[in-house]
Amino acid sequence: MTNSKLDALDRLAQLLLLVAALTTLANGLFMLARPLDWYVFVPTVVTTGPPNQHFIRDIGLAYIGSGLILLYATANPIRRWRAAIVGGLWLALHGALHIYEVATGICGPATFWADAPAVIGQPALVIAALAILGARGRIGRGSQG
């Protein structure tokens, strides 16, 4: 299926993946290029301990990898839904870690809610896109080209 055959709901899934891809890439590039600026830009990060430029860049590369895979999936989410799963996997695991930390008391709810738009928002966009595609029968063996 080509992009010209995508209907409005397919386009919505595509848009959700695009937003997730671009925000993920932007965050990763920021972390890679300016790790200390990123460290002070995200207010909750300073509460986790002193900055480690190498570690920030490592995580930035994970964001860039996820973002590039999601960008690939965005081109045609019906044919590339598996890429959306792979691109969203690290983001979802990262979000799950934050949920775990709140549930076990490692960090407080205020920190969680401050982080949630980025940490939970990005994988939520991917999950929502996949849910739209799945509910419409766009995911499955017949949809992979």
Protein backbone atom coordinates (compact mmCIF):
# COMPACT_ATOMS: atom_id res chain seq x y z
CA MET A 1 0.00 0.00 0.00
CA THR A 2 1.37 3.41 -0.90
CA ASN A 3 0.97 6.57 1.11
CA SER A 4 -1.66 7.82 -1.36
CA LYS A 5 -3.96 5.01 -0.18
CA LEU A 6 -3.76 5.92 3.49
CA ASP A 7 -7.09 7.13 4.87
CA ALA A 8 -7.64 9.67 7.67
CA LEU A 9 -7.12 7.20 10.54
CA ASP A 10 -3.98 5.82 8.88
CA ARG A 11 -2.75 9.41 8.57
CA LEU A 12 -3.49 9.97 12.26
CA ALA A 13 -1.36 6.94 13.15
CA GLN A 14 1.33 8.30 10.83
CA LEU A 15 1.17 11.71 12.53
CA LEU A 16 1.44 10.17 16.01
CA LEU A 17 4.53 8.24 14.90
CA LEU A 18 6.01 11.36 13.32
CA VAL A 19 5.59 13.41 16.50
CA ALA A 20 7.16 10.62 18.54
CA ALA A 21 10.02 10.29 16.03
CA LEU A 22 10.82 14.01 15.84
CA THR A 23 10.66 14.65 19.59
CA THR A 24 12.75 11.56 20.25
CA LEU A 25 15.35 12.61 17.68
CA ALA A 26 15.43 16.17 18.99
CA ASN A 27 16.00 15.00 22.56
CA GLY A 28 18.72 12.56 21.48
CA LEU A 29 20.53 15.13 19.38
CA PHE A 30 20.38 17.64 22.24
CA MET A 31 21.82 15.04 24.62
CA LEU A 32 24.59 14.15 22.18
CA ALA A 33 25.57 17.68 21.17
CA ARG A 34 25.14 19.54 24.48
CA PRO A 35 25.03 17.02 27.34
CA LEU A 36 25.61 19.55 30.13
CA ASP A 37 23.05 21.98 28.72
CA TRP A 38 20.56 19.10 28.43
CA TYR A 39 21.33 18.14 32.05
CA VAL A 40 20.28 21.56 33.38
CA PHE A 41 17.48 22.02 30.84
CA VAL A 42 15.49 19.04 32.19
CA PRO A 43 14.74 20.10 35.77
CA THR A 44 14.24 16.61 37.20
CA VAL A 45 17.58 15.29 35.91
CA VAL A 46 19.62 17.37 38.35
CA THR A 47 17.97 15.51 41.23
CA THR A 48 19.49 12.20 40.04
CA GLY A 49 23.09 13.11 40.82
CA PRO A 50 26.00 14.88 39.17
CA PRO A 51 26.17 15.01 35.36
CA ASN A 52 28.09 12.38 33.44
CA GLN A 53 28.61 13.58 29.86
CA HIS A 54 29.48 10.14 28.56
CA PHE A 55 26.37 8.55 30.08
CA ILE A 56 24.13 11.36 28.81
CA ARG A 57 25.53 10.87 25.30
CA ASP A 58 25.03 7.09 25.57
CA ILE A 59 21.35 7.62 26.35
CA GLY A 60 21.17 10.24 23.61
CA LEU A 61 22.30 7.61 21.12
CA ALA A 62 19.49 5.31 22.29
CA TYR A 63 17.02 8.13 21.68
CA ILE A 64 18.48 8.80 18.24
CA GLY A 65 18.28 5.11 17.33
CA SER A 66 14.65 4.91 18.42
CA GLY A 67 13.82 8.14 16.63
CA LEU A 68 15.38 7.02 13.35
CA ILE A 69 13.50 3.71 13.44
CA LEU A 70 10.26 5.54 14.19
CA LEU A 71 10.95 7.97 11.35
CA TYR A 72 11.37 4.98 9.02
CA ALA A 73 8.05 3.56 10.26
CA THR A 74 6.36 6.91 9.68
CA ALA A 75 6.89 6.70 5.91
CA ASN A 76 4.28 3.94 5.69
CA PRO A 77 3.00 2.71 9.04
CA ILE A 78 0.87 -0.04 7.51
CA ARG A 79 3.83 -1.72 5.86
CA ARG A 80 6.34 -0.77 8.56
CA TRP A 81 4.38 -1.39 11.77
CA ARG A 82 7.09 -3.75 12.99
CA ALA A 83 9.57 -0.89 12.83
CA ALA A 84 7.19 1.17 14.97
CA ILE A 85 7.24 -1.60 17.58
CA VAL A 86 11.03 -1.75 17.54
CA GLY A 87 11.40 2.04 17.58
CA GLY A 88 9.00 2.36 20.49
CA LEU A 89 10.44 -0.50 22.53
CA TRP A 90 13.24 1.42 24.25
CA LEU A 91 10.92 4.36 24.86
CA ALA A 92 8.32 2.06 26.46
CA LEU A 93 10.91 0.33 28.64
CA HIS A 94 12.28 3.71 29.73
CA GLY A 95 8.76 4.84 30.62
CA ALA A 96 8.16 1.60 32.52
CA LEU A 97 11.31 2.22 34.54
CA HIS A 98 9.98 5.61 35.59
CA ILE A 99 6.67 4.05 36.61
CA TYR A 100 8.56 1.42 38.62
CA GLU A 101 10.61 4.10 40.39
CA VAL A 102 7.48 5.93 41.51
CA ALA A 103 5.73 2.71 42.53
CA THR A 104 8.67 1.66 44.72
CA GLY A 105 9.33 5.09 46.19
CA ILE A 106 12.67 5.68 44.46
CA CYS A 107 11.30 9.00 43.26
CA GLY A 108 8.21 10.94 44.19
CA PRO A 109 5.04 11.52 42.21
CA ALA A 110 6.00 15.15 41.52
CA THR A 111 9.12 13.99 39.68
CA PHE A 112 7.10 11.43 37.75
CA TRP A 113 4.50 13.97 36.63
CA ALA A 114 7.20 16.46 35.64
CA ASP A 115 8.85 13.78 33.47
CA ALA A 116 5.64 12.17 32.18
CA PRO A 117 5.02 14.31 29.08
CA ALA A 118 8.33 13.23 27.54
CA VAL A 119 9.01 9.91 29.24
CA ILE A 120 5.47 8.52 29.03
CA GLY A 121 4.22 10.72 26.19
CA GLN A 122 6.53 9.44 23.48
CA PRO A 123 5.82 5.71 23.93
CA ALA A 124 2.12 6.54 24.43
CA LEU A 125 2.08 8.10 20.95
CA VAL A 126 3.62 4.95 19.47
CA ILE A 127 1.21 2.70 21.36
CA ALA A 128 -1.74 4.83 20.24
CA ALA A 129 -0.61 4.66 16.60
CA LEU A 130 -0.21 0.89 16.80
CA ALA A 131 -3.59 0.56 18.53
CA ILE A 132 -5.26 2.48 15.69
CA LEU A 133 -3.60 0.28 13.09
CA GLY A 134 -4.32 -2.90 15.04
CA ALA A 135 -7.98 -2.07 15.66
CA ARG A 136 -8.43 -1.58 11.93
CA GLY A 137 -6.75 -4.83 10.94
CA ARG A 138 -3.74 -3.02 9.49
CA ILE A 139 -1.30 -5.10 11.53
CA GLY A 140 -0.72 -8.68 10.55
CA ARG A 141 0.95 -10.91 8.02
CA GLY A 142 -1.12 -9.58 5.14
CA SER A 143 -0.21 -5.97 5.88
CA GLN A 144 3.55 -6.42 5.60
CA GLY A 145 4.83 -5.76 2.08
